[in-house]
Amino acid sequence: MANKKNIKTFNQHLEERYGKIGSDKRTEFEIKAKAFAIGEIIREERKQANMTQEQLPEK
């Protein structure tokens, strides 16, 4: 069983790996994470519309 003292928040994990909010490394991570999330939303919407990647920019 995990010790409750070792439980960390998501923000604590991000701080350990990428630094505090506002640091260059953390900002770079956040930009890439948001770009990935937006890309996934676009991909899912495109698939629901039965469109290919080539058809999307034409629309």
C-alpha atoms as a PDB file:
ATOM      1  CA  MET A   1       0.000   0.000   0.000  1.00  0.00           C
ATOM      2  CA  ALA A   2       1.330   3.430  -0.942  1.00  0.00           C
ATOM      3  CA  ASN A   3       2.338   5.752   1.838  1.00  0.00           C
ATOM      4  CA  LYS A   4       0.136   8.880   1.849  1.00  0.00           C
ATOM      5  CA  LYS A   5       3.198  11.031   2.532  1.00  0.00           C
ATOM      6  CA  ASN A   6       4.503  10.156  -0.932  1.00  0.00           C
ATOM      7  CA  ILE A   7       1.373  11.272  -2.771  1.00  0.00           C
ATOM      8  CA  LYS A   8       2.028  14.335  -4.931  1.00  0.00           C
ATOM      9  CA  THR A   9      -0.221  16.653  -6.860  1.00  0.00           C
ATOM     10  CA  PHE A  10       0.025  16.873 -10.630  1.00  0.00           C
ATOM     11  CA  ASN A  11       1.514  20.349 -10.267  1.00  0.00           C
ATOM     12  CA  GLN A  12       4.208  18.984  -7.937  1.00  0.00           C
ATOM     13  CA  HIS A  13       5.149  16.388 -10.554  1.00  0.00           C
ATOM     14  CA  LEU A  14       5.352  19.086 -13.220  1.00  0.00           C
ATOM     15  CA  GLU A  15       7.487  21.308 -10.970  1.00  0.00           C
ATOM     16  CA  GLU A  16       9.916  18.480 -10.306  1.00  0.00           C
ATOM     17  CA  ARG A  17      10.251  17.601 -13.973  1.00  0.00           C
ATOM     18  CA  TYR A  18       9.914  20.990 -15.719  1.00  0.00           C
ATOM     19  CA  GLY A  19      10.384  23.615 -13.023  1.00  0.00           C
ATOM     20  CA  LYS A  20       8.091  26.229 -11.569  1.00  0.00           C
ATOM     21  CA  ILE A  21       5.457  28.067 -13.588  1.00  0.00           C
ATOM     22  CA  GLY A  22       7.151  30.776 -15.605  1.00  0.00           C
ATOM     23  CA  SER A  23      10.465  28.972 -16.044  1.00  0.00           C
ATOM     24  CA  ASP A  24      11.649  28.488 -19.628  1.00  0.00           C
ATOM     25  CA  LYS A  25      11.473  24.691 -19.412  1.00  0.00           C
ATOM     26  CA  ARG A  26       7.964  24.742 -17.908  1.00  0.00           C
ATOM     27  CA  THR A  27       6.694  27.242 -20.487  1.00  0.00           C
ATOM     28  CA  GLU A  28       8.099  25.128 -23.333  1.00  0.00           C
ATOM     29  CA  PHE A  29       6.372  22.045 -21.896  1.00  0.00           C
ATOM     30  CA  GLU A  30       3.049  23.868 -21.541  1.00  0.00           C
ATOM     31  CA  ILE A  31       3.185  25.165 -25.124  1.00  0.00           C
ATOM     32  CA  LYS A  32       3.886  21.678 -26.471  1.00  0.00           C
ATOM     33  CA  ALA A  33       1.176  20.122 -24.287  1.00  0.00           C
ATOM     34  CA  LYS A  34      -1.434  22.626 -25.452  1.00  0.00           C
ATOM     35  CA  ALA A  35      -0.418  22.204 -29.107  1.00  0.00           C
ATOM     36  CA  PHE A  36      -0.780  18.432 -28.746  1.00  0.00           C
ATOM     37  CA  ALA A  37      -4.217  18.771 -27.137  1.00  0.00           C
ATOM     38  CA  ILE A  38      -5.437  21.134 -29.877  1.00  0.00           C
ATOM     39  CA  GLY A  39      -4.129  18.745 -32.536  1.00  0.00           C
ATOM     40  CA  GLU A  40      -6.015  15.851 -30.951  1.00  0.00           C
ATOM     41  CA  ILE A  41      -9.251  17.863 -30.878  1.00  0.00           C
ATOM     42  CA  ILE A  42      -8.847  18.759 -34.552  1.00  0.00           C
ATOM     43  CA  ARG A  43      -8.063  15.143 -35.458  1.00  0.00           C
ATOM     44  CA  GLU A  44     -11.129  13.812 -33.644  1.00  0.00           C
ATOM     45  CA  GLU A  45     -13.424  16.413 -35.198  1.00  0.00           C
ATOM     46  CA  ARG A  46     -11.995  15.702 -38.657  1.00  0.00           C
ATOM     47  CA  LYS A  47     -12.589  11.973 -38.214  1.00  0.00           C
ATOM     48  CA  GLN A  48     -16.165  12.557 -37.018  1.00  0.00           C
ATOM     49  CA  ALA A  49     -16.746  14.591 -40.172  1.00  0.00           C
ATOM     50  CA  ASN A  50     -15.295  11.715 -42.269  1.00  0.00           C
ATOM     51  CA  MET A  51     -12.663  14.020 -43.724  1.00  0.00           C
ATOM     52  CA  THR A  52      -9.113  13.223 -44.749  1.00  0.00           C
ATOM     53  CA  GLN A  53      -6.190  15.431 -43.772  1.00  0.00           C
ATOM     54  CA  GLU A  54      -6.085  16.656 -47.366  1.00  0.00           C
ATOM     55  CA  GLN A  55      -9.777  17.646 -47.313  1.00  0.00           C
ATOM     56  CA  LEU A  56      -9.543  19.630 -44.089  1.00  0.00           C
ATOM     57  CA  PRO A  57      -7.588  22.673 -45.379  1.00  0.00           C
ATOM     58  CA  GLU A  58      -9.775  22.806 -48.487  1.00  0.00           C
ATOM     59  CA  LYS A  59     -12.878  23.188 -46.327  1.00  0.00           C
END
